[in-house]
Amino acid sequence: MGWLTTLVSGLASPVVNFFTKRSENKTNIKLKQIDRLKNSDDSLAEWESIQAENGRYSWKDEFWTIILAIPLVLCFFPDYVSYIEDGFVVLKSMPTFYQYWLGVAILTSFGIKFTKK
């Protein structure tokens, strides 16, 4: 009976070791992914802190607020409505890349991010 136990143990041991090693590898991969995410969150938080500090001396969000408010205010003056409409028609006819980058510039000045996670 002892030789049978040794034989079964000898055959089962490599299979058990294979699955144990495989499980350990998966665990290590997950731990590395978690560490990478933690480090990326720390870097992102640091970057946002630097940007917030730099933004204290910038007036780009005030600039875009004024620019965006002009059509809002002028639409209440009938003499200017046609100019506003014509302006938006011209903006719509601009190349797509220009429209995209204009939108990105405005949204990022207000702190809205376009990052993929």
N, C-alpha and C. Protein backbone atom coordinates (compact mmCIF):
# COMPACT_ATOMS: atom_id res chain seq x y z
N MET A 1 0.82 -1.20 0.00
CA MET A 1 0.00 0.00 0.00
C MET A 1 0.86 1.26 0.00
N GLY A 2 2.03 1.18 0.62
CA GLY A 2 2.92 2.33 0.68
C GLY A 2 3.44 2.75 -0.69
N TRP A 3 3.71 1.74 -1.53
CA TRP A 3 4.21 2.07 -2.86
C TRP A 3 3.13 2.73 -3.72
N LEU A 4 1.83 2.35 -3.48
CA LEU A 4 0.72 2.95 -4.21
C LEU A 4 0.54 4.42 -3.82
N THR A 5 0.68 4.68 -2.53
CA THR A 5 0.58 6.05 -2.04
C THR A 5 1.72 6.89 -2.61
N THR A 6 2.89 6.34 -2.66
CA THR A 6 4.05 7.04 -3.21
C THR A 6 3.84 7.31 -4.70
N LEU A 7 3.31 6.34 -5.42
CA LEU A 7 3.06 6.49 -6.85
C LEU A 7 2.01 7.56 -7.12
N VAL A 8 0.89 7.51 -6.39
CA VAL A 8 -0.17 8.51 -6.56
C VAL A 8 0.34 9.89 -6.17
N SER A 9 1.07 9.93 -5.08
CA SER A 9 1.64 11.21 -4.62
C SER A 9 2.62 11.75 -5.65
N GLY A 10 3.43 10.87 -6.22
CA GLY A 10 4.40 11.28 -7.24
C GLY A 10 3.73 11.80 -8.50
N LEU A 11 2.59 11.21 -8.88
CA LEU A 11 1.87 11.65 -10.07
C LEU A 11 1.06 12.92 -9.80
N ALA A 12 0.50 13.01 -8.62
CA ALA A 12 -0.36 14.16 -8.29
C ALA A 12 0.46 15.40 -7.97
N SER A 13 1.63 15.23 -7.42
CA SER A 13 2.44 16.36 -6.97
C SER A 13 2.73 17.37 -8.10
N PRO A 14 3.16 16.93 -9.30
CA PRO A 14 3.40 17.92 -10.36
C PRO A 14 2.12 18.65 -10.79
N VAL A 15 1.01 17.96 -10.79
CA VAL A 15 -0.26 18.59 -11.17
C VAL A 15 -0.66 19.63 -10.14
N VAL A 16 -0.55 19.28 -8.87
CA VAL A 16 -0.87 20.21 -7.80
C VAL A 16 0.08 21.42 -7.85
N ASN A 17 1.37 21.13 -8.05
CA ASN A 17 2.35 22.23 -8.14
C ASN A 17 2.05 23.15 -9.32
N PHE A 18 1.63 22.56 -10.44
CA PHE A 18 1.30 23.36 -11.61
C PHE A 18 0.17 24.35 -11.30
N PHE A 19 -0.91 23.85 -10.72
CA PHE A 19 -2.05 24.71 -10.41
C PHE A 19 -1.73 25.71 -9.30
N THR A 20 -0.91 25.30 -8.33
CA THR A 20 -0.50 26.22 -7.27
C THR A 20 0.33 27.36 -7.85
N LYS A 21 1.29 27.02 -8.71
CA LYS A 21 2.15 28.03 -9.34
C LYS A 21 1.32 28.95 -10.22
N ARG A 22 0.38 28.38 -10.94
CA ARG A 22 -0.49 29.17 -11.82
C ARG A 22 -1.31 30.17 -10.99
N SER A 23 -1.83 29.72 -9.88
CA SER A 23 -2.61 30.58 -8.99
C SER A 23 -1.73 31.69 -8.42
N GLU A 24 -0.51 31.34 -8.03
CA GLU A 24 0.43 32.35 -7.50
C GLU A 24 0.76 33.39 -8.57
N ASN A 25 0.96 32.95 -9.81
CA ASN A 25 1.26 33.88 -10.90
C ASN A 25 0.09 34.85 -11.13
N LYS A 26 -1.13 34.32 -11.12
CA LYS A 26 -2.29 35.18 -11.30
C LYS A 26 -2.39 36.19 -10.16
N THR A 27 -2.13 35.74 -8.94
CA THR A 27 -2.17 36.63 -7.78
C THR A 27 -1.11 37.72 -7.91
N ASN A 28 0.09 37.34 -8.32
CA ASN A 28 1.17 38.33 -8.49
C ASN A 28 0.83 39.35 -9.58
N ILE A 29 0.23 38.89 -10.64
CA ILE A 29 -0.17 39.81 -11.72
C ILE A 29 -1.21 40.79 -11.20
N LYS A 30 -2.19 40.31 -10.47
CA LYS A 30 -3.23 41.20 -9.90
C LYS A 30 -2.61 42.20 -8.92
N LEU A 31 -1.68 41.74 -8.09
CA LEU A 31 -1.03 42.65 -7.14
C LEU A 31 -0.24 43.74 -7.87
N LYS A 32 0.44 43.36 -8.95
CA LYS A 32 1.18 44.36 -9.74
C LYS A 32 0.22 45.36 -10.38
N GLN A 33 -0.92 44.89 -10.86
CA GLN A 33 -1.91 45.80 -11.44
C GLN A 33 -2.44 46.76 -10.38
N ILE A 34 -2.69 46.26 -9.19
CA ILE A 34 -3.17 47.11 -8.10
C ILE A 34 -2.13 48.15 -7.74
N ASP A 35 -0.85 47.74 -7.64
CA ASP A 35 0.23 48.69 -7.34
C ASP A 35 0.34 49.76 -8.42
N ARG A 36 0.21 49.34 -9.68
CA ARG A 36 0.29 50.30 -10.78
C ARG A 36 -0.85 51.30 -10.71
N LEU A 37 -2.05 50.83 -10.39
CA LEU A 37 -3.20 51.72 -10.26
C LEU A 37 -3.01 52.69 -9.09
N LYS A 38 -2.49 52.18 -7.97
CA LYS A 38 -2.25 53.05 -6.82
C LYS A 38 -1.25 54.13 -7.18
N ASN A 39 -0.15 53.74 -7.85
CA ASN A 39 0.86 54.72 -8.23
C ASN A 39 0.32 55.72 -9.25
N SER A 40 -0.51 55.24 -10.15
CA SER A 40 -1.10 56.14 -11.14
C SER A 40 -2.04 57.12 -10.46
N ASP A 41 -2.81 56.66 -9.46
CA ASP A 41 -3.69 57.57 -8.74
C ASP A 41 -2.89 58.61 -7.97
N ASP A 42 -1.76 58.19 -7.37
CA ASP A 42 -0.91 59.14 -6.66
C ASP A 42 -0.34 60.17 -7.62
N SER A 43 0.12 59.72 -8.78
CA SER A 43 0.67 60.64 -9.77
C SER A 43 -0.40 61.60 -10.27
N LEU A 44 -1.59 61.08 -10.50
CA LEU A 44 -2.69 61.92 -10.97
C LEU A 44 -3.06 62.97 -9.92
N ALA A 45 -3.10 62.56 -8.66
CA ALA A 45 -3.42 63.51 -7.59
C ALA A 45 -2.35 64.58 -7.49
N GLU A 46 -1.10 64.17 -7.63
CA GLU A 46 0.00 65.15 -7.58
C GLU A 46 -0.08 66.12 -8.75
N TRP A 47 -0.36 65.59 -9.95
CA TRP A 47 -0.49 66.42 -11.14
C TRP A 47 -1.64 67.42 -10.98
N GLU A 48 -2.76 66.95 -10.46
CA GLU A 48 -3.91 67.84 -10.25
C GLU A 48 -3.60 68.92 -9.23
N SER A 49 -2.83 68.58 -8.22
CA SER A 49 -2.44 69.57 -7.22
C SER A 49 -1.56 70.64 -7.84
N ILE A 50 -0.61 70.22 -8.66
CA ILE A 50 0.27 71.18 -9.35
C ILE A 50 -0.55 72.07 -10.28
N GLN A 51 -1.47 71.47 -11.03
CA GLN A 51 -2.30 72.24 -11.95
C GLN A 51 -3.18 73.24 -11.20
N ALA A 52 -3.73 72.82 -10.06
CA ALA A 52 -4.56 73.73 -9.28
C ALA A 52 -3.74 74.90 -8.77
N GLU A 53 -2.52 74.61 -8.34
CA GLU A 53 -1.64 75.69 -7.86
C GLU A 53 -1.29 76.65 -9.00
N ASN A 54 -0.99 76.10 -10.17
CA ASN A 54 -0.67 76.94 -11.32
C ASN A 54 -1.89 77.73 -11.79
N GLY A 55 -3.06 77.15 -11.65
CA GLY A 55 -4.29 77.80 -12.09
C GLY A 55 -4.67 79.02 -11.25
N ARG A 56 -4.10 79.12 -10.08
CA ARG A 56 -4.41 80.27 -9.22
C ARG A 56 -4.01 81.58 -9.89
N TYR A 57 -2.98 81.54 -10.72
CA TYR A 57 -2.46 82.76 -11.34
C TYR A 57 -2.87 82.88 -12.80
N SER A 58 -3.75 82.00 -13.24
CA SER A 58 -4.20 82.00 -14.62
C SER A 58 -5.59 82.62 -14.71
N TRP A 59 -5.86 83.23 -15.84
CA TRP A 59 -7.19 83.82 -16.04
C TRP A 59 -7.93 83.17 -17.21
N LYS A 60 -7.43 82.00 -17.66
CA LYS A 60 -8.06 81.37 -18.83
C LYS A 60 -9.49 80.94 -18.57
N ASP A 61 -9.84 80.50 -17.35
CA ASP A 61 -11.24 80.14 -17.10
C ASP A 61 -12.13 81.37 -17.10
N GLU A 62 -11.62 82.50 -16.58
CA GLU A 62 -12.40 83.74 -16.64
C GLU A 62 -12.57 84.21 -18.08
N PHE A 63 -11.50 84.04 -18.89
CA PHE A 63 -11.56 84.42 -20.30
C PHE A 63 -12.67 83.64 -21.01
N TRP A 64 -12.68 82.31 -20.84
CA TRP A 64 -13.68 81.49 -21.52
C TRP A 64 -15.07 81.75 -20.98
N THR A 65 -15.18 82.08 -19.71
CA THR A 65 -16.50 82.41 -19.16
C THR A 65 -17.05 83.66 -19.84
N ILE A 66 -16.19 84.66 -20.02
CA ILE A 66 -16.62 85.90 -20.69
C ILE A 66 -16.99 85.61 -22.14
N ILE A 67 -16.13 84.85 -22.84
CA ILE A 67 -16.39 84.53 -24.25
C ILE A 67 -17.71 83.77 -24.40
N LEU A 68 -17.94 82.81 -23.52
CA LEU A 68 -19.18 82.03 -23.61
C LEU A 68 -20.40 82.84 -23.20
N ALA A 69 -20.21 83.86 -22.39
CA ALA A 69 -21.34 84.67 -21.94
C ALA A 69 -21.76 85.72 -22.97
N ILE A 70 -20.87 86.08 -23.86
CA ILE A 70 -21.19 87.13 -24.85
C ILE A 70 -22.43 86.76 -25.66
N PRO A 71 -22.49 85.59 -26.31
CA PRO A 71 -23.70 85.26 -27.07
C PRO A 71 -24.94 85.16 -26.18
N LEU A 72 -24.75 84.69 -24.96
CA LEU A 72 -25.86 84.59 -24.02
C LEU A 72 -26.48 85.96 -23.76
N VAL A 73 -25.64 86.94 -23.52
CA VAL A 73 -26.14 88.29 -23.24
C VAL A 73 -26.70 88.94 -24.50
N LEU A 74 -25.96 88.80 -25.61
CA LEU A 74 -26.39 89.48 -26.85
C LEU A 74 -27.67 88.89 -27.44
N CYS A 75 -28.02 87.66 -27.11
CA CYS A 75 -29.25 87.09 -27.68
C CYS A 75 -30.51 87.79 -27.14
N PHE A 76 -30.37 88.59 -26.09
CA PHE A 76 -31.50 89.35 -25.57
C PHE A 76 -31.66 90.71 -26.27
N PHE A 77 -30.75 91.00 -27.19
CA PHE A 77 -30.84 92.23 -27.98
C PHE A 77 -31.14 91.84 -29.43
N PRO A 78 -32.36 92.07 -29.88
CA PRO A 78 -32.78 91.59 -31.21
C PRO A 78 -31.85 92.01 -32.35
N ASP A 79 -31.23 93.16 -32.24
CA ASP A 79 -30.34 93.62 -33.33
C ASP A 79 -29.11 92.72 -33.49
N TYR A 80 -28.75 91.97 -32.47
CA TYR A 80 -27.52 91.17 -32.50
C TYR A 80 -27.77 89.68 -32.73
N VAL A 81 -29.02 89.25 -32.70
CA VAL A 81 -29.34 87.82 -32.83
C VAL A 81 -28.82 87.25 -34.15
N SER A 82 -28.98 87.98 -35.23
CA SER A 82 -28.52 87.47 -36.54
C SER A 82 -27.00 87.29 -36.54
N TYR A 83 -26.26 88.18 -35.87
CA TYR A 83 -24.80 88.05 -35.80
C TYR A 83 -24.40 86.79 -35.01
N ILE A 84 -25.14 86.54 -33.95
CA ILE A 84 -24.85 85.35 -33.13
C ILE A 84 -25.12 84.09 -33.94
N GLU A 85 -26.25 84.06 -34.63
CA GLU A 85 -26.59 82.89 -35.45
C GLU A 85 -25.56 82.68 -36.54
N ASP A 86 -25.16 83.77 -37.22
CA ASP A 86 -24.15 83.66 -38.27
C ASP A 86 -22.82 83.14 -37.71
N GLY A 87 -22.49 83.60 -36.53
CA GLY A 87 -21.24 83.15 -35.90
C GLY A 87 -21.25 81.65 -35.62
N PHE A 88 -22.38 81.16 -35.13
CA PHE A 88 -22.47 79.72 -34.86
C PHE A 88 -22.49 78.90 -36.15
N VAL A 89 -23.05 79.45 -37.21
CA VAL A 89 -23.01 78.75 -38.51
C VAL A 89 -21.57 78.64 -38.98
N VAL A 90 -20.82 79.72 -38.83
CA VAL A 90 -19.41 79.70 -39.24
C VAL A 90 -18.62 78.71 -38.38
N LEU A 91 -18.85 78.72 -37.07
CA LEU A 91 -18.16 77.75 -36.21
C LEU A 91 -18.48 76.31 -36.60
N LYS A 92 -19.74 76.08 -36.97
CA LYS A 92 -20.14 74.73 -37.36
C LYS A 92 -19.46 74.30 -38.67
N SER A 93 -19.12 75.27 -39.52
CA SER A 93 -18.48 74.95 -40.79
C SER A 93 -16.97 74.78 -40.66
N MET A 94 -16.43 75.06 -39.50
CA MET A 94 -14.98 74.89 -39.28
C MET A 94 -14.63 73.41 -39.35
N PRO A 95 -13.34 73.10 -39.63
CA PRO A 95 -12.92 71.69 -39.66
C PRO A 95 -13.18 71.01 -38.31
N THR A 96 -13.46 69.74 -38.38
CA THR A 96 -13.79 68.98 -37.18
C THR A 96 -12.67 69.04 -36.15
N PHE A 97 -11.42 68.95 -36.61
CA PHE A 97 -10.32 68.98 -35.66
C PHE A 97 -10.29 70.31 -34.90
N TYR A 98 -10.63 71.41 -35.57
CA TYR A 98 -10.65 72.72 -34.91
C TYR A 98 -11.77 72.76 -33.87
N GLN A 99 -12.92 72.27 -34.21
CA GLN A 99 -14.04 72.23 -33.27
C GLN A 99 -13.68 71.39 -32.05
N TYR A 100 -13.05 70.25 -32.30
CA TYR A 100 -12.65 69.36 -31.20
C TYR A 100 -11.66 70.05 -30.28
N TRP A 101 -10.59 70.63 -30.87
CA TRP A 101 -9.57 71.26 -30.04
C TRP A 101 -10.09 72.49 -29.33
N LEU A 102 -10.99 73.21 -29.92
CA LEU A 102 -11.61 74.34 -29.24
C LEU A 102 -12.40 73.86 -28.02
N GLY A 103 -13.15 72.80 -28.20
CA GLY A 103 -13.89 72.22 -27.09
C GLY A 103 -12.97 71.72 -25.99
N VAL A 104 -11.88 71.06 -26.37
CA VAL A 104 -10.92 70.57 -25.39
C VAL A 104 -10.30 71.73 -24.62
N ALA A 105 -9.93 72.80 -25.34
CA ALA A 105 -9.32 73.97 -24.68
C ALA A 105 -10.27 74.59 -23.67
N ILE A 106 -11.52 74.71 -24.05
CA ILE A 106 -12.50 75.32 -23.14
C ILE A 106 -12.75 74.41 -21.94
N LEU A 107 -12.99 73.14 -22.18
CA LEU A 107 -13.32 72.23 -21.08
C LEU A 107 -12.14 72.02 -20.13
N THR A 108 -10.93 71.93 -20.66
CA THR A 108 -9.78 71.75 -19.78
C THR A 108 -9.49 72.99 -18.96
N SER A 109 -9.83 74.17 -19.49
CA SER A 109 -9.62 75.37 -18.69
C SER A 109 -10.53 75.39 -17.47
N PHE A 110 -11.65 74.68 -17.55
CA PHE A 110 -12.56 74.57 -16.40
C PHE A 110 -12.27 73.32 -15.57
N GLY A 111 -11.23 72.57 -15.93
CA GLY A 111 -10.83 71.42 -15.12
C GLY A 111 -11.51 70.12 -15.48
N ILE A 112 -12.18 70.05 -16.62
CA ILE A 112 -12.82 68.81 -17.04
C ILE A 112 -11.79 68.00 -17.81
N LYS A 113 -11.59 66.73 -17.41
CA LYS A 113 -10.53 65.91 -17.97
C LYS A 113 -11.04 65.02 -19.08
N PHE A 114 -10.13 64.73 -20.01
CA PHE A 114 -10.42 63.81 -21.10
C PHE A 114 -9.43 62.65 -21.06
N THR A 115 -9.34 61.97 -19.94
CA THR A 115 -8.41 60.85 -19.86
C THR A 115 -9.17 59.55 -19.93
N LYS A 116 -8.49 58.57 -20.51
CA LYS A 116 -9.09 57.24 -20.58
C LYS A 116 -8.58 56.44 -19.41
N LYS A 117 -9.45 55.69 -18.82
CA LYS A 117 -9.04 54.82 -17.72
C LYS A 117 -9.26 53.40 -18.11
